Amino acid sequence: QVQLVESGGGLVQPGGSLKLSCVASGSIFSWTAMGWYRQAPGKQRELVALITNDGGTTNYADSVKGRFTISRDNAKNTVYLQMNSLKPEDTAVYYCNSRGGRYDWGQGTQVTVSS
């Protein structure tokens, strides 16, 4: 059973940056494509970034393309999301999970972009 623990969220002003981390338990991490998802109040959870198991390919939602960067360190069972040029509409709880969200969801980490 894979457990996911997200961290790194917080309150930031528009235009600011944050780096999120997600540590996954289990030896299968290095074989799994991973994604960052977010859920804003009153909205459905959406996929914002995806990275293949070897880190060779990444994909982004149009709303974050050019501002967010997903990366991973398989030796540390960790996936990251570097978020730059943050906007108020990026405010949400951010989660990591496999492609398709196959694992139990963690608690997520709150990101609030506000002046």
N, C-alpha and C. Protein backbone atom coordinates (compact mmCIF):
# COMPACT_ATOMS: atom_id res chain seq x y z
N GLN A 1 0.84 -1.18 0.00
CA GLN A 1 0.00 0.00 0.00
C GLN A 1 0.88 1.24 0.00
N VAL A 2 0.62 2.13 -0.91
CA VAL A 2 1.42 3.34 -1.05
C VAL A 2 0.79 4.46 -0.24
N GLN A 3 1.62 5.14 0.54
CA GLN A 3 1.18 6.32 1.27
C GLN A 3 1.86 7.56 0.69
N LEU A 4 1.11 8.63 0.58
CA LEU A 4 1.60 9.86 -0.03
C LEU A 4 1.50 10.99 0.99
N VAL A 5 2.60 11.73 1.15
CA VAL A 5 2.63 12.83 2.10
C VAL A 5 3.13 14.08 1.38
N GLU A 6 2.25 15.06 1.25
CA GLU A 6 2.58 16.31 0.57
C GLU A 6 2.98 17.38 1.58
N SER A 7 3.86 18.28 1.15
CA SER A 7 4.28 19.39 2.01
C SER A 7 4.75 20.55 1.14
N GLY A 8 4.94 21.70 1.79
CA GLY A 8 5.53 22.84 1.10
C GLY A 8 4.57 23.96 0.75
N GLY A 9 3.29 23.76 1.02
CA GLY A 9 2.32 24.81 0.72
C GLY A 9 2.43 25.98 1.68
N GLY A 10 1.62 26.99 1.42
CA GLY A 10 1.62 28.16 2.28
C GLY A 10 0.90 29.33 1.64
N LEU A 11 1.06 30.48 2.27
CA LEU A 11 0.48 31.72 1.77
C LEU A 11 1.56 32.50 1.03
N VAL A 12 1.27 32.91 -0.18
CA VAL A 12 2.24 33.64 -0.99
C VAL A 12 1.53 34.74 -1.76
N GLN A 13 2.24 35.82 -2.01
CA GLN A 13 1.67 36.92 -2.78
C GLN A 13 1.66 36.59 -4.27
N PRO A 14 0.75 37.19 -5.01
CA PRO A 14 0.76 36.99 -6.47
C PRO A 14 2.15 37.32 -7.04
N GLY A 15 2.59 36.45 -7.96
CA GLY A 15 3.91 36.59 -8.53
C GLY A 15 4.99 35.84 -7.78
N GLY A 16 4.65 35.32 -6.63
CA GLY A 16 5.62 34.60 -5.81
C GLY A 16 5.81 33.15 -6.26
N SER A 17 6.63 32.44 -5.48
CA SER A 17 6.98 31.05 -5.81
C SER A 17 6.85 30.16 -4.59
N LEU A 18 6.58 28.89 -4.86
CA LEU A 18 6.58 27.85 -3.84
C LEU A 18 7.10 26.58 -4.49
N LYS A 19 7.68 25.70 -3.66
CA LYS A 19 8.08 24.38 -4.13
C LYS A 19 7.42 23.34 -3.24
N LEU A 20 6.60 22.51 -3.85
CA LEU A 20 5.92 21.44 -3.15
C LEU A 20 6.72 20.14 -3.26
N SER A 21 6.59 19.32 -2.22
CA SER A 21 7.23 18.00 -2.20
C SER A 21 6.19 16.95 -1.86
N CYS A 22 6.40 15.77 -2.39
CA CYS A 22 5.53 14.64 -2.08
C CYS A 22 6.42 13.41 -1.91
N VAL A 23 6.38 12.84 -0.73
CA VAL A 23 7.14 11.62 -0.45
C VAL A 23 6.18 10.44 -0.49
N ALA A 24 6.57 9.42 -1.24
CA ALA A 24 5.75 8.22 -1.38
C ALA A 24 6.45 7.03 -0.74
N SER A 25 5.70 6.26 0.00
CA SER A 25 6.24 5.02 0.54
C SER A 25 6.12 3.93 -0.51
N GLY A 26 6.90 2.88 -0.37
CA GLY A 26 6.74 1.76 -1.29
C GLY A 26 7.79 1.73 -2.38
N SER A 27 8.19 0.54 -2.75
CA SER A 27 9.28 0.37 -3.71
C SER A 27 8.84 0.55 -5.15
N ILE A 28 7.54 0.65 -5.38
CA ILE A 28 7.07 0.73 -6.76
C ILE A 28 7.13 2.15 -7.30
N PHE A 29 7.53 3.11 -6.47
CA PHE A 29 7.50 4.52 -6.88
C PHE A 29 8.26 4.73 -8.17
N SER A 30 9.45 4.13 -8.28
CA SER A 30 10.30 4.39 -9.44
C SER A 30 9.72 3.81 -10.73
N TRP A 31 8.68 3.00 -10.63
CA TRP A 31 8.06 2.42 -11.81
C TRP A 31 6.77 3.14 -12.20
N THR A 32 6.43 4.19 -11.47
CA THR A 32 5.11 4.79 -11.59
C THR A 32 5.18 6.22 -12.10
N ALA A 33 4.41 6.51 -13.14
CA ALA A 33 4.24 7.92 -13.53
C ALA A 33 3.45 8.63 -12.44
N MET A 34 3.90 9.82 -12.10
CA MET A 34 3.30 10.56 -10.99
C MET A 34 2.78 11.91 -11.44
N GLY A 35 1.77 12.38 -10.75
CA GLY A 35 1.20 13.67 -11.10
C GLY A 35 0.92 14.52 -9.88
N TRP A 36 0.82 15.81 -10.14
CA TRP A 36 0.30 16.75 -9.15
C TRP A 36 -1.10 17.17 -9.57
N TYR A 37 -1.99 17.15 -8.61
CA TYR A 37 -3.38 17.51 -8.82
C TYR A 37 -3.71 18.67 -7.88
N ARG A 38 -4.78 19.38 -8.18
CA ARG A 38 -5.23 20.41 -7.25
C ARG A 38 -6.75 20.47 -7.24
N GLN A 39 -7.26 20.91 -6.10
CA GLN A 39 -8.71 21.06 -5.96
C GLN A 39 -8.99 22.39 -5.27
N ALA A 40 -9.64 23.26 -6.00
CA ALA A 40 -10.05 24.55 -5.45
C ALA A 40 -11.44 24.41 -4.84
N PRO A 41 -11.79 25.30 -3.92
CA PRO A 41 -13.12 25.22 -3.29
C PRO A 41 -14.23 25.23 -4.33
N GLY A 42 -15.14 24.26 -4.20
CA GLY A 42 -16.28 24.19 -5.09
C GLY A 42 -15.98 23.65 -6.47
N LYS A 43 -14.76 23.19 -6.69
CA LYS A 43 -14.38 22.67 -8.01
C LYS A 43 -13.90 21.24 -7.91
N GLN A 44 -13.90 20.58 -9.04
CA GLN A 44 -13.39 19.21 -9.09
C GLN A 44 -11.87 19.19 -9.07
N ARG A 45 -11.32 18.11 -8.60
CA ARG A 45 -9.88 17.93 -8.60
C ARG A 45 -9.42 17.84 -10.05
N GLU A 46 -8.30 18.52 -10.34
CA GLU A 46 -7.78 18.51 -11.71
C GLU A 46 -6.29 18.18 -11.70
N LEU A 47 -5.85 17.55 -12.77
CA LEU A 47 -4.44 17.22 -12.95
C LEU A 47 -3.73 18.44 -13.52
N VAL A 48 -2.64 18.85 -12.87
CA VAL A 48 -1.92 20.02 -13.37
C VAL A 48 -0.56 19.67 -13.97
N ALA A 49 0.04 18.56 -13.55
CA ALA A 49 1.34 18.20 -14.09
C ALA A 49 1.55 16.71 -13.94
N LEU A 50 2.26 16.13 -14.90
CA LEU A 50 2.51 14.69 -14.91
C LEU A 50 3.95 14.45 -15.33
N ILE A 51 4.57 13.43 -14.72
CA ILE A 51 5.94 13.08 -15.08
C ILE A 51 6.05 11.57 -15.19
N THR A 52 6.73 11.09 -16.21
CA THR A 52 6.89 9.65 -16.39
C THR A 52 7.81 9.07 -15.31
N ASN A 53 7.85 7.75 -15.23
CA ASN A 53 8.58 7.11 -14.14
C ASN A 53 10.06 7.45 -14.15
N ASP A 54 10.63 7.66 -15.34
CA ASP A 54 12.06 7.97 -15.42
C ASP A 54 12.33 9.47 -15.48
N GLY A 55 11.28 10.27 -15.39
CA GLY A 55 11.44 11.72 -15.44
C GLY A 55 11.70 12.28 -16.82
N GLY A 56 11.64 11.44 -17.83
CA GLY A 56 12.02 11.88 -19.16
C GLY A 56 10.98 12.71 -19.88
N THR A 57 9.74 12.57 -19.48
CA THR A 57 8.65 13.30 -20.15
C THR A 57 7.75 13.94 -19.11
N THR A 58 7.40 15.18 -19.37
CA THR A 58 6.48 15.90 -18.49
C THR A 58 5.36 16.51 -19.32
N ASN A 59 4.22 16.66 -18.70
CA ASN A 59 3.08 17.30 -19.34
C ASN A 59 2.41 18.23 -18.33
N TYR A 60 1.82 19.30 -18.84
CA TYR A 60 1.22 20.30 -17.97
C TYR A 60 -0.14 20.73 -18.49
N ALA A 61 -1.00 21.08 -17.56
CA ALA A 61 -2.26 21.73 -17.94
C ALA A 61 -1.94 23.09 -18.54
N ASP A 62 -2.75 23.52 -19.47
CA ASP A 62 -2.51 24.81 -20.13
C ASP A 62 -2.44 25.96 -19.12
N SER A 63 -3.19 25.84 -18.05
CA SER A 63 -3.28 26.94 -17.08
C SER A 63 -1.98 27.15 -16.30
N VAL A 64 -1.09 26.15 -16.29
CA VAL A 64 0.15 26.27 -15.52
C VAL A 64 1.39 26.16 -16.39
N LYS A 65 1.20 25.90 -17.66
CA LYS A 65 2.34 25.71 -18.57
C LYS A 65 3.22 26.95 -18.59
N GLY A 66 4.53 26.73 -18.45
CA GLY A 66 5.47 27.84 -18.44
C GLY A 66 5.70 28.44 -17.07
N ARG A 67 4.89 28.07 -16.10
CA ARG A 67 5.02 28.59 -14.73
C ARG A 67 5.39 27.50 -13.73
N PHE A 68 4.89 26.29 -13.94
CA PHE A 68 5.12 25.18 -13.01
C PHE A 68 6.09 24.19 -13.65
N THR A 69 6.89 23.54 -12.80
CA THR A 69 7.81 22.50 -13.25
C THR A 69 7.73 21.32 -12.31
N ILE A 70 7.44 20.16 -12.88
CA ILE A 70 7.40 18.92 -12.10
C ILE A 70 8.72 18.19 -12.26
N SER A 71 9.20 17.59 -11.19
CA SER A 71 10.43 16.81 -11.23
C SER A 71 10.33 15.70 -10.20
N ARG A 72 11.28 14.79 -10.23
CA ARG A 72 11.26 13.68 -9.27
C ARG A 72 12.67 13.22 -8.97
N ASP A 73 12.80 12.62 -7.79
CA ASP A 73 14.04 11.99 -7.36
C ASP A 73 13.68 10.59 -6.90
N ASN A 74 13.90 9.60 -7.76
CA ASN A 74 13.47 8.24 -7.44
C ASN A 74 14.26 7.65 -6.27
N ALA A 75 15.47 8.12 -6.06
CA ALA A 75 16.26 7.62 -4.93
C ALA A 75 15.65 8.06 -3.60
N LYS A 76 14.89 9.14 -3.64
CA LYS A 76 14.25 9.65 -2.43
C LYS A 76 12.74 9.41 -2.42
N ASN A 77 12.25 8.70 -3.43
CA ASN A 77 10.80 8.46 -3.53
C ASN A 77 10.01 9.76 -3.43
N THR A 78 10.51 10.79 -4.09
CA THR A 78 9.91 12.12 -3.95
C THR A 78 9.64 12.74 -5.31
N VAL A 79 8.49 13.40 -5.40
CA VAL A 79 8.15 14.17 -6.59
C VAL A 79 7.94 15.62 -6.14
N TYR A 80 8.37 16.55 -6.97
CA TYR A 80 8.34 17.97 -6.63
C TYR A 80 7.48 18.74 -7.62
N LEU A 81 7.01 19.90 -7.18
CA LEU A 81 6.34 20.83 -8.07
C LEU A 81 6.85 22.23 -7.75
N GLN A 82 7.66 22.78 -8.65
CA GLN A 82 8.12 24.15 -8.52
C GLN A 82 7.09 25.06 -9.16
N MET A 83 6.57 25.99 -8.39
CA MET A 83 5.51 26.87 -8.88
C MET A 83 6.01 28.31 -8.84
N ASN A 84 6.08 28.93 -10.00
CA ASN A 84 6.52 30.31 -10.13
C ASN A 84 5.39 31.17 -10.68
N SER A 85 5.56 32.47 -10.54
CA SER A 85 4.56 33.43 -11.06
C SER A 85 3.15 33.05 -10.64
N LEU A 86 3.00 32.77 -9.37
CA LEU A 86 1.71 32.29 -8.87
C LEU A 86 0.63 33.35 -9.00
N LYS A 87 -0.58 32.86 -9.27
CA LYS A 87 -1.75 33.71 -9.46
C LYS A 87 -2.81 33.35 -8.43
N PRO A 88 -3.71 34.26 -8.12
CA PRO A 88 -4.79 33.93 -7.17
C PRO A 88 -5.58 32.69 -7.58
N GLU A 89 -5.73 32.47 -8.87
CA GLU A 89 -6.48 31.29 -9.33
C GLU A 89 -5.72 29.98 -9.13
N ASP A 90 -4.48 30.04 -8.68
CA ASP A 90 -3.74 28.83 -8.33
C ASP A 90 -4.07 28.37 -6.91
N THR A 91 -4.82 29.16 -6.18
CA THR A 91 -5.20 28.79 -4.82
C THR A 91 -6.00 27.50 -4.82
N ALA A 92 -5.52 26.52 -4.06
CA ALA A 92 -6.14 25.20 -4.02
C ALA A 92 -5.39 24.32 -3.02
N VAL A 93 -5.95 23.16 -2.75
CA VAL A 93 -5.21 22.12 -2.07
C VAL A 93 -4.54 21.27 -3.14
N TYR A 94 -3.25 21.07 -3.00
CA TYR A 94 -2.46 20.32 -3.98
C TYR A 94 -2.15 18.92 -3.46
N TYR A 95 -2.33 17.95 -4.33
CA TYR A 95 -2.11 16.55 -4.02
C TYR A 95 -1.19 15.92 -5.06
N CYS A 96 -0.47 14.89 -4.65
CA CYS A 96 0.23 14.07 -5.64
C CYS A 96 -0.43 12.69 -5.66
N ASN A 97 -0.28 12.02 -6.76
CA ASN A 97 -0.80 10.67 -6.92
C ASN A 97 -0.26 10.12 -8.22
N SER A 98 -0.50 8.87 -8.46
CA SER A 98 -0.09 8.28 -9.72
C SER A 98 -0.95 8.83 -10.86
N ARG A 99 -0.54 8.58 -12.07
CA ARG A 99 -1.40 8.90 -13.20
C ARG A 99 -2.69 8.10 -13.03
N GLY A 100 -3.80 8.76 -13.10
CA GLY A 100 -5.09 8.12 -12.87
C GLY A 100 -5.51 8.08 -11.42
N GLY A 101 -4.67 8.55 -10.52
CA GLY A 101 -5.04 8.60 -9.11
C GLY A 101 -5.34 7.25 -8.49
N ARG A 102 -4.46 6.28 -8.72
CA ARG A 102 -4.72 4.91 -8.28
C ARG A 102 -4.52 4.68 -6.79
N TYR A 103 -3.73 5.53 -6.15
CA TYR A 103 -3.43 5.30 -4.74
C TYR A 103 -4.39 6.09 -3.85
N ASP A 104 -4.41 5.73 -2.57
CA ASP A 104 -5.19 6.51 -1.62
C ASP A 104 -4.65 7.94 -1.59
N TRP A 105 -5.54 8.90 -1.58
CA TRP A 105 -5.12 10.29 -1.57
C TRP A 105 -4.57 10.70 -0.21
N GLY A 106 -3.51 11.49 -0.22
CA GLY A 106 -2.98 12.04 1.01
C GLY A 106 -3.82 13.22 1.46
N GLN A 107 -3.31 13.92 2.47
CA GLN A 107 -4.05 15.07 3.00
C GLN A 107 -3.88 16.31 2.13
N GLY A 108 -2.88 16.31 1.29
CA GLY A 108 -2.64 17.46 0.44
C GLY A 108 -1.96 18.58 1.20
N THR A 109 -1.62 19.64 0.46
CA THR A 109 -1.00 20.81 1.07
C THR A 109 -1.67 22.05 0.48
N GLN A 110 -2.06 22.95 1.36
CA GLN A 110 -2.82 24.13 0.95
C GLN A 110 -1.89 25.19 0.37
N VAL A 111 -2.25 25.69 -0.80
CA VAL A 111 -1.56 26.81 -1.42
C VAL A 111 -2.56 27.96 -1.55
N THR A 112 -2.20 29.09 -0.96
CA THR A 112 -3.06 30.26 -1.03
C THR A 112 -2.27 31.42 -1.63
N VAL A 113 -2.78 31.96 -2.71
CA VAL A 113 -2.12 33.08 -3.39
C VAL A 113 -3.00 34.31 -3.20
N SER A 114 -2.51 35.23 -2.42
CA SER A 114 -3.31 36.40 -2.08
C SER A 114 -2.41 37.54 -1.61
N SER A 115 -2.82 38.74 -1.90
CA SER A 115 -2.09 39.90 -1.42
C SER A 115 -2.67 40.39 -0.09
